[in-house]
Amino acid sequence: MLSGFKQFVLRGNVVDLAVGVVMGAAFGTVVTALVKDLITPLIAAVVGKPDFSSLGFTIGTTAFPVGDFINAVVAFVLVAAAIYFFVVTPVNALIARTRKDPAPADPTTKKCTECLSEIPIDARRCAYCAQPQMAKAA
């Protein structure tokens, strides 16, 4: 029973997933600090106080403190933008640089030497002008 569990835990994709979760949590902390300590104060310098927690409204006797929700939405948008511009875009650019273009496919047609029509590459005569074609050099 323990050998099956050991085999399951040591399987490559489980270990990779565990490493990914730990790295994601650590990276999430870094991105949250970036947004909280750098981006939010920058926005506060431009537009004023970026804290909406005091906003709300009341209907009858029920209070609706929507400011905390607005703060959460703004934080989400800032985190998503930081991840996109500082992680996704550079990684995509790096991957695009390392990716090699596939080799072009071999041509299946050629131009007739007389009428310049497209004919099959192995044709000995042109279907349009009936002129003999030179054999393709191997």
N, C-alpha and C. Protein backbone atom coordinates (compact mmCIF):
# COMPACT_ATOMS: atom_id res chain seq x y z
N MET A 1 0.82 -1.19 0.00
CA MET A 1 0.00 0.00 0.00
C MET A 1 0.87 1.26 0.00
N LEU A 2 1.91 1.27 0.81
CA LEU A 2 2.80 2.43 0.86
C LEU A 2 3.63 2.56 -0.40
N SER A 3 3.97 1.45 -1.04
CA SER A 3 4.76 1.53 -2.26
C SER A 3 3.95 2.21 -3.38
N GLY A 4 2.64 1.94 -3.44
CA GLY A 4 1.79 2.60 -4.43
C GLY A 4 1.71 4.10 -4.17
N PHE A 5 1.61 4.48 -2.88
CA PHE A 5 1.59 5.91 -2.54
C PHE A 5 2.92 6.56 -2.89
N LYS A 6 4.02 5.87 -2.60
CA LYS A 6 5.35 6.40 -2.92
C LYS A 6 5.50 6.58 -4.43
N GLN A 7 5.02 5.62 -5.21
CA GLN A 7 5.09 5.72 -6.66
C GLN A 7 4.24 6.89 -7.16
N PHE A 8 3.07 7.10 -6.56
CA PHE A 8 2.20 8.21 -6.94
C PHE A 8 2.85 9.55 -6.63
N VAL A 9 3.41 9.69 -5.46
CA VAL A 9 4.01 10.96 -5.04
C VAL A 9 5.26 11.27 -5.85
N LEU A 10 6.04 10.28 -6.16
CA LEU A 10 7.29 10.52 -6.87
C LEU A 10 7.12 10.54 -8.38
N ARG A 11 5.92 10.36 -8.87
CA ARG A 11 5.66 10.48 -10.30
C ARG A 11 5.97 11.93 -10.70
N GLY A 12 6.54 12.11 -11.86
CA GLY A 12 7.05 13.42 -12.27
C GLY A 12 6.03 14.53 -12.24
N ASN A 13 4.81 14.29 -12.72
CA ASN A 13 3.87 15.39 -12.80
C ASN A 13 3.36 15.84 -11.44
N VAL A 14 3.33 14.96 -10.44
CA VAL A 14 2.90 15.35 -9.10
C VAL A 14 3.96 16.25 -8.46
N VAL A 15 5.22 15.89 -8.62
CA VAL A 15 6.30 16.71 -8.08
C VAL A 15 6.34 18.05 -8.81
N ASP A 16 6.17 18.04 -10.12
CA ASP A 16 6.14 19.29 -10.89
C ASP A 16 5.00 20.19 -10.43
N LEU A 17 3.84 19.60 -10.19
CA LEU A 17 2.70 20.37 -9.71
C LEU A 17 2.98 20.98 -8.34
N ALA A 18 3.58 20.20 -7.46
CA ALA A 18 3.90 20.72 -6.12
C ALA A 18 4.88 21.89 -6.21
N VAL A 19 5.89 21.75 -7.05
CA VAL A 19 6.86 22.84 -7.23
C VAL A 19 6.16 24.06 -7.82
N GLY A 20 5.26 23.83 -8.77
CA GLY A 20 4.52 24.94 -9.38
C GLY A 20 3.65 25.68 -8.37
N VAL A 21 2.99 24.94 -7.48
CA VAL A 21 2.14 25.57 -6.47
C VAL A 21 2.99 26.40 -5.50
N VAL A 22 4.11 25.86 -5.06
CA VAL A 22 4.99 26.60 -4.15
C VAL A 22 5.55 27.84 -4.83
N MET A 23 6.01 27.69 -6.07
CA MET A 23 6.55 28.84 -6.80
C MET A 23 5.44 29.87 -7.08
N GLY A 24 4.23 29.40 -7.37
CA GLY A 24 3.12 30.32 -7.60
C GLY A 24 2.77 31.12 -6.36
N ALA A 25 2.79 30.46 -5.20
CA ALA A 25 2.50 31.17 -3.95
C ALA A 25 3.58 32.22 -3.67
N ALA A 26 4.84 31.85 -3.88
CA ALA A 26 5.93 32.80 -3.66
C ALA A 26 5.84 33.95 -4.66
N PHE A 27 5.54 33.65 -5.90
CA PHE A 27 5.42 34.69 -6.91
C PHE A 27 4.22 35.58 -6.63
N GLY A 28 3.14 34.99 -6.14
CA GLY A 28 1.96 35.79 -5.77
C GLY A 28 2.29 36.81 -4.71
N THR A 29 3.12 36.44 -3.75
CA THR A 29 3.55 37.37 -2.71
C THR A 29 4.35 38.51 -3.31
N VAL A 30 5.23 38.20 -4.25
CA VAL A 30 6.04 39.23 -4.90
C VAL A 30 5.15 40.19 -5.70
N VAL A 31 4.19 39.66 -6.45
CA VAL A 31 3.31 40.50 -7.26
C VAL A 31 2.42 41.35 -6.35
N THR A 32 1.91 40.77 -5.27
CA THR A 32 1.09 41.54 -4.34
C THR A 32 1.90 42.69 -3.73
N ALA A 33 3.15 42.43 -3.36
CA ALA A 33 4.00 43.49 -2.82
C ALA A 33 4.28 44.55 -3.87
N LEU A 34 4.49 44.14 -5.13
CA LEU A 34 4.72 45.10 -6.20
C LEU A 34 3.52 46.02 -6.36
N VAL A 35 2.32 45.45 -6.36
CA VAL A 35 1.12 46.26 -6.53
C VAL A 35 0.89 47.15 -5.31
N LYS A 36 1.03 46.58 -4.12
CA LYS A 36 0.74 47.32 -2.90
C LYS A 36 1.77 48.41 -2.63
N ASP A 37 3.06 48.12 -2.84
CA ASP A 37 4.11 49.05 -2.44
C ASP A 37 4.59 49.98 -3.54
N LEU A 38 4.35 49.63 -4.81
CA LEU A 38 4.85 50.47 -5.90
C LEU A 38 3.74 51.03 -6.78
N ILE A 39 2.87 50.17 -7.28
CA ILE A 39 1.88 50.62 -8.26
C ILE A 39 0.76 51.42 -7.60
N THR A 40 0.23 50.95 -6.47
CA THR A 40 -0.85 51.67 -5.81
C THR A 40 -0.40 53.06 -5.34
N PRO A 41 0.77 53.22 -4.72
CA PRO A 41 1.21 54.58 -4.38
C PRO A 41 1.44 55.46 -5.61
N LEU A 42 1.86 54.86 -6.71
CA LEU A 42 2.02 55.64 -7.94
C LEU A 42 0.67 56.16 -8.42
N ILE A 43 -0.35 55.32 -8.37
CA ILE A 43 -1.69 55.75 -8.74
C ILE A 43 -2.19 56.81 -7.76
N ALA A 44 -1.91 56.64 -6.47
CA ALA A 44 -2.32 57.63 -5.47
C ALA A 44 -1.66 58.98 -5.74
N ALA A 45 -0.42 58.96 -6.21
CA ALA A 45 0.26 60.22 -6.52
C ALA A 45 -0.39 60.92 -7.70
N VAL A 46 -0.96 60.15 -8.62
CA VAL A 46 -1.55 60.74 -9.82
C VAL A 46 -3.00 61.17 -9.60
N VAL A 47 -3.83 60.29 -9.00
CA VAL A 47 -5.26 60.58 -8.90
C VAL A 47 -5.74 60.86 -7.49
N GLY A 48 -4.92 60.78 -6.51
CA GLY A 48 -5.37 61.01 -5.14
C GLY A 48 -5.37 59.73 -4.34
N LYS A 49 -6.09 59.72 -3.24
CA LYS A 49 -6.11 58.57 -2.33
C LYS A 49 -6.78 57.36 -3.00
N PRO A 50 -6.05 56.23 -3.14
CA PRO A 50 -6.62 55.08 -3.85
C PRO A 50 -7.38 54.12 -2.94
N ASP A 51 -7.92 54.60 -1.83
CA ASP A 51 -8.65 53.73 -0.91
C ASP A 51 -10.13 54.08 -0.98
N PHE A 52 -10.93 53.10 -1.37
CA PHE A 52 -12.36 53.32 -1.53
C PHE A 52 -13.17 52.68 -0.41
N SER A 53 -12.52 52.26 0.68
CA SER A 53 -13.23 51.52 1.73
C SER A 53 -14.29 52.36 2.43
N SER A 54 -14.20 53.66 2.37
CA SER A 54 -15.20 54.51 3.04
C SER A 54 -16.45 54.71 2.19
N LEU A 55 -16.44 54.27 0.94
CA LEU A 55 -17.60 54.43 0.08
C LEU A 55 -18.69 53.43 0.43
N GLY A 56 -19.91 53.86 0.32
CA GLY A 56 -21.04 52.97 0.58
C GLY A 56 -22.33 53.75 0.47
N PHE A 57 -23.43 53.02 0.57
CA PHE A 57 -24.73 53.67 0.55
C PHE A 57 -25.66 52.88 1.46
N THR A 58 -26.77 53.50 1.79
CA THR A 58 -27.74 52.89 2.71
C THR A 58 -29.12 52.90 2.06
N ILE A 59 -29.79 51.76 2.15
CA ILE A 59 -31.17 51.66 1.71
C ILE A 59 -31.98 51.26 2.95
N GLY A 60 -32.81 52.16 3.38
CA GLY A 60 -33.56 51.90 4.61
C GLY A 60 -32.59 51.89 5.78
N THR A 61 -32.53 50.76 6.46
CA THR A 61 -31.59 50.62 7.58
C THR A 61 -30.41 49.73 7.22
N THR A 62 -30.35 49.30 5.98
CA THR A 62 -29.28 48.39 5.57
C THR A 62 -28.17 49.17 4.88
N ALA A 63 -26.94 48.97 5.38
CA ALA A 63 -25.78 49.65 4.81
C ALA A 63 -25.12 48.73 3.78
N PHE A 64 -24.67 49.30 2.69
CA PHE A 64 -23.97 48.57 1.63
C PHE A 64 -22.57 49.17 1.48
N PRO A 65 -21.58 48.61 2.17
CA PRO A 65 -20.21 49.16 2.08
C PRO A 65 -19.51 48.64 0.81
N VAL A 66 -19.75 49.26 -0.31
CA VAL A 66 -19.22 48.79 -1.58
C VAL A 66 -17.75 49.17 -1.78
N GLY A 67 -17.21 49.98 -0.91
CA GLY A 67 -15.83 50.42 -1.05
C GLY A 67 -14.83 49.28 -0.99
N ASP A 68 -15.06 48.32 -0.09
CA ASP A 68 -14.14 47.18 -0.01
C ASP A 68 -14.17 46.35 -1.29
N PHE A 69 -15.36 46.21 -1.88
CA PHE A 69 -15.48 45.49 -3.15
C PHE A 69 -14.72 46.23 -4.25
N ILE A 70 -14.86 47.55 -4.30
CA ILE A 70 -14.14 48.34 -5.30
C ILE A 70 -12.64 48.21 -5.10
N ASN A 71 -12.18 48.22 -3.84
CA ASN A 71 -10.76 48.01 -3.56
C ASN A 71 -10.28 46.66 -4.07
N ALA A 72 -11.09 45.62 -3.87
CA ALA A 72 -10.71 44.28 -4.33
C ALA A 72 -10.65 44.22 -5.85
N VAL A 73 -11.60 44.86 -6.53
CA VAL A 73 -11.60 44.87 -8.00
C VAL A 73 -10.37 45.62 -8.52
N VAL A 74 -10.07 46.78 -7.93
CA VAL A 74 -8.90 47.55 -8.35
C VAL A 74 -7.62 46.75 -8.12
N ALA A 75 -7.52 46.09 -6.97
CA ALA A 75 -6.33 45.27 -6.68
C ALA A 75 -6.21 44.13 -7.68
N PHE A 76 -7.33 43.50 -8.02
CA PHE A 76 -7.31 42.41 -8.99
C PHE A 76 -6.83 42.90 -10.35
N VAL A 77 -7.36 44.03 -10.80
CA VAL A 77 -6.96 44.57 -12.10
C VAL A 77 -5.48 44.93 -12.09
N LEU A 78 -5.00 45.52 -11.01
CA LEU A 78 -3.58 45.87 -10.92
C LEU A 78 -2.68 44.64 -10.91
N VAL A 79 -3.08 43.61 -10.17
CA VAL A 79 -2.29 42.37 -10.14
C VAL A 79 -2.30 41.72 -11.51
N ALA A 80 -3.46 41.66 -12.16
CA ALA A 80 -3.54 41.06 -13.49
C ALA A 80 -2.68 41.83 -14.49
N ALA A 81 -2.71 43.16 -14.43
CA ALA A 81 -1.89 43.97 -15.33
C ALA A 81 -0.41 43.77 -15.05
N ALA A 82 -0.03 43.70 -13.78
CA ALA A 82 1.38 43.48 -13.44
C ALA A 82 1.86 42.13 -13.94
N ILE A 83 1.06 41.10 -13.76
CA ILE A 83 1.44 39.77 -14.24
C ILE A 83 1.54 39.77 -15.76
N TYR A 84 0.59 40.41 -16.42
CA TYR A 84 0.62 40.41 -17.89
C TYR A 84 1.85 41.14 -18.42
N PHE A 85 2.08 42.35 -17.92
CA PHE A 85 3.16 43.17 -18.49
C PHE A 85 4.55 42.76 -18.01
N PHE A 86 4.67 42.19 -16.81
CA PHE A 86 5.99 41.85 -16.28
C PHE A 86 6.33 40.37 -16.39
N VAL A 87 5.35 39.52 -16.71
CA VAL A 87 5.63 38.09 -16.82
C VAL A 87 5.21 37.54 -18.18
N VAL A 88 3.94 37.67 -18.52
CA VAL A 88 3.42 37.03 -19.73
C VAL A 88 4.08 37.59 -20.99
N THR A 89 4.11 38.92 -21.11
CA THR A 89 4.68 39.53 -22.30
C THR A 89 6.16 39.18 -22.48
N PRO A 90 7.02 39.32 -21.45
CA PRO A 90 8.43 38.94 -21.64
C PRO A 90 8.62 37.45 -21.93
N VAL A 91 7.86 36.58 -21.28
CA VAL A 91 8.00 35.15 -21.52
C VAL A 91 7.57 34.80 -22.94
N ASN A 92 6.48 35.40 -23.42
CA ASN A 92 6.05 35.15 -24.80
C ASN A 92 7.10 35.64 -25.79
N ALA A 93 7.71 36.78 -25.53
CA ALA A 93 8.77 37.28 -26.41
C ALA A 93 9.97 36.35 -26.41
N LEU A 94 10.33 35.84 -25.24
CA LEU A 94 11.46 34.91 -25.14
C LEU A 94 11.16 33.62 -25.88
N ILE A 95 9.97 33.10 -25.74
CA ILE A 95 9.59 31.86 -26.43
C ILE A 95 9.57 32.09 -27.94
N ALA A 96 9.07 33.24 -28.36
CA ALA A 96 9.03 33.53 -29.81
C ALA A 96 10.43 33.61 -30.39
N ARG A 97 11.39 34.12 -29.64
CA ARG A 97 12.77 34.19 -30.13
C ARG A 97 13.41 32.81 -30.26
N THR A 98 13.09 31.92 -29.35
CA THR A 98 13.72 30.60 -29.37
C THR A 98 13.04 29.64 -30.33
N ARG A 99 11.79 29.93 -30.71
CA ARG A 99 11.06 29.04 -31.61
C ARG A 99 11.58 29.22 -33.03
N LYS A 100 11.88 28.13 -33.68
CA LYS A 100 12.35 28.16 -35.06
C LYS A 100 11.16 28.02 -35.99
N ASP A 101 11.21 28.75 -37.09
CA ASP A 101 10.15 28.63 -38.09
C ASP A 101 10.26 27.28 -38.79
N PRO A 102 9.13 26.65 -39.08
CA PRO A 102 9.20 25.36 -39.79
C PRO A 102 9.71 25.58 -41.21
N ALA A 103 10.38 24.56 -41.71
CA ALA A 103 10.91 24.63 -43.07
C ALA A 103 9.75 24.69 -44.05
N PRO A 104 9.89 25.48 -45.10
CA PRO A 104 8.79 25.55 -46.08
C PRO A 104 8.61 24.21 -46.77
N ALA A 105 7.37 23.92 -47.12
CA ALA A 105 7.05 22.65 -47.78
C ALA A 105 7.63 22.67 -49.20
N ASP A 106 7.96 21.49 -49.69
CA ASP A 106 8.45 21.38 -51.06
C ASP A 106 7.36 21.82 -52.03
N PRO A 107 7.72 22.53 -53.08
CA PRO A 107 6.70 22.98 -54.02
C PRO A 107 6.08 21.80 -54.77
N THR A 108 4.82 21.94 -55.12
CA THR A 108 4.13 20.89 -55.86
C THR A 108 3.87 21.32 -57.30
N THR A 109 4.12 22.59 -57.59
CA THR A 109 3.93 23.07 -58.95
C THR A 109 5.15 23.87 -59.39
N LYS A 110 5.22 24.08 -60.71
CA LYS A 110 6.28 24.91 -61.28
C LYS A 110 5.67 25.74 -62.40
N LYS A 111 6.39 26.72 -62.88
CA LYS A 111 5.90 27.56 -63.99
C LYS A 111 6.36 26.94 -65.31
N CYS A 112 5.46 26.95 -66.26
CA CYS A 112 5.80 26.50 -67.62
C CYS A 112 6.83 27.48 -68.18
N THR A 113 7.83 26.95 -68.88
CA THR A 113 8.88 27.81 -69.43
C THR A 113 8.38 28.65 -70.60
N GLU A 114 7.28 28.26 -71.23
CA GLU A 114 6.77 29.00 -72.39
C GLU A 114 5.63 29.95 -72.01
N CYS A 115 4.58 29.43 -71.36
CA CYS A 115 3.39 30.27 -71.10
C CYS A 115 3.29 30.75 -69.65
N LEU A 116 4.19 30.31 -68.79
CA LEU A 116 4.26 30.70 -67.38
C LEU A 116 3.03 30.28 -66.56
N SER A 117 2.30 29.27 -67.01
CA SER A 117 1.18 28.72 -66.25
C SER A 117 1.72 27.82 -65.15
N GLU A 118 0.95 27.65 -64.09
CA GLU A 118 1.33 26.73 -63.01
C GLU A 118 0.98 25.31 -63.44
N ILE A 119 1.97 24.42 -63.44
CA ILE A 119 1.74 23.03 -63.82
C ILE A 119 2.34 22.13 -62.74
N PRO A 120 1.90 20.87 -62.63
CA PRO A 120 2.48 19.96 -61.64
C PRO A 120 3.99 19.84 -61.85
N ILE A 121 4.69 19.66 -60.78
CA ILE A 121 6.15 19.68 -60.83
C ILE A 121 6.72 18.52 -61.65
N ASP A 122 6.02 17.39 -61.73
CA ASP A 122 6.52 16.24 -62.48
C ASP A 122 5.99 16.19 -63.92
N ALA A 123 5.26 17.21 -64.35
CA ALA A 123 4.69 17.21 -65.71
C ALA A 123 5.80 17.30 -66.75
N ARG A 124 5.61 16.52 -67.86
CA ARG A 124 6.58 16.57 -68.96
C ARG A 124 6.11 17.50 -70.07
N ARG A 125 4.80 17.78 -70.08
CA ARG A 125 4.24 18.72 -71.05
C ARG A 125 3.29 19.65 -70.31
N CYS A 126 3.20 20.86 -70.78
CA CYS A 126 2.28 21.84 -70.20
C CYS A 126 0.87 21.52 -70.64
N ALA A 127 -0.08 21.54 -69.73
CA ALA A 127 -1.48 21.25 -70.05
C ALA A 127 -2.12 22.40 -70.81
N TYR A 128 -1.52 23.57 -70.77
CA TYR A 128 -2.11 24.75 -71.40
C TYR A 128 -1.56 24.99 -72.81
N CYS A 129 -0.23 24.89 -72.96
CA CYS A 129 0.35 25.19 -74.27
C CYS A 129 0.98 23.96 -74.94
N ALA A 130 1.00 22.83 -74.27
CA ALA A 130 1.49 21.55 -74.78
C ALA A 130 2.99 21.55 -75.09
N GLN A 131 3.70 22.51 -74.58
CA GLN A 131 5.14 22.54 -74.80
C GLN A 131 5.83 21.55 -73.88
N PRO A 132 6.85 20.85 -74.38
CA PRO A 132 7.59 19.93 -73.51
C PRO A 132 8.33 20.71 -72.42
N GLN A 133 8.42 20.10 -71.24
CA GLN A 133 9.09 20.73 -70.12
C GLN A 133 10.38 19.98 -69.84
N MET A 134 11.35 20.72 -69.36
CA MET A 134 12.62 20.09 -69.02
C MET A 134 12.43 19.25 -67.77
N ALA A 135 13.09 18.12 -67.73
CA ALA A 135 13.00 17.27 -66.57
C ALA A 135 13.64 17.97 -65.38
N LYS A 136 13.07 17.78 -64.21
CA LYS A 136 13.58 18.39 -62.99
C LYS A 136 14.90 17.71 -62.62
N ALA A 137 15.88 18.54 -62.33
CA ALA A 137 17.19 17.99 -61.91
C ALA A 137 17.08 17.43 -60.52
N ALA A 138 17.61 16.24 -60.33
CA ALA A 138 17.50 15.60 -59.02
C ALA A 138 18.58 16.02 -58.09
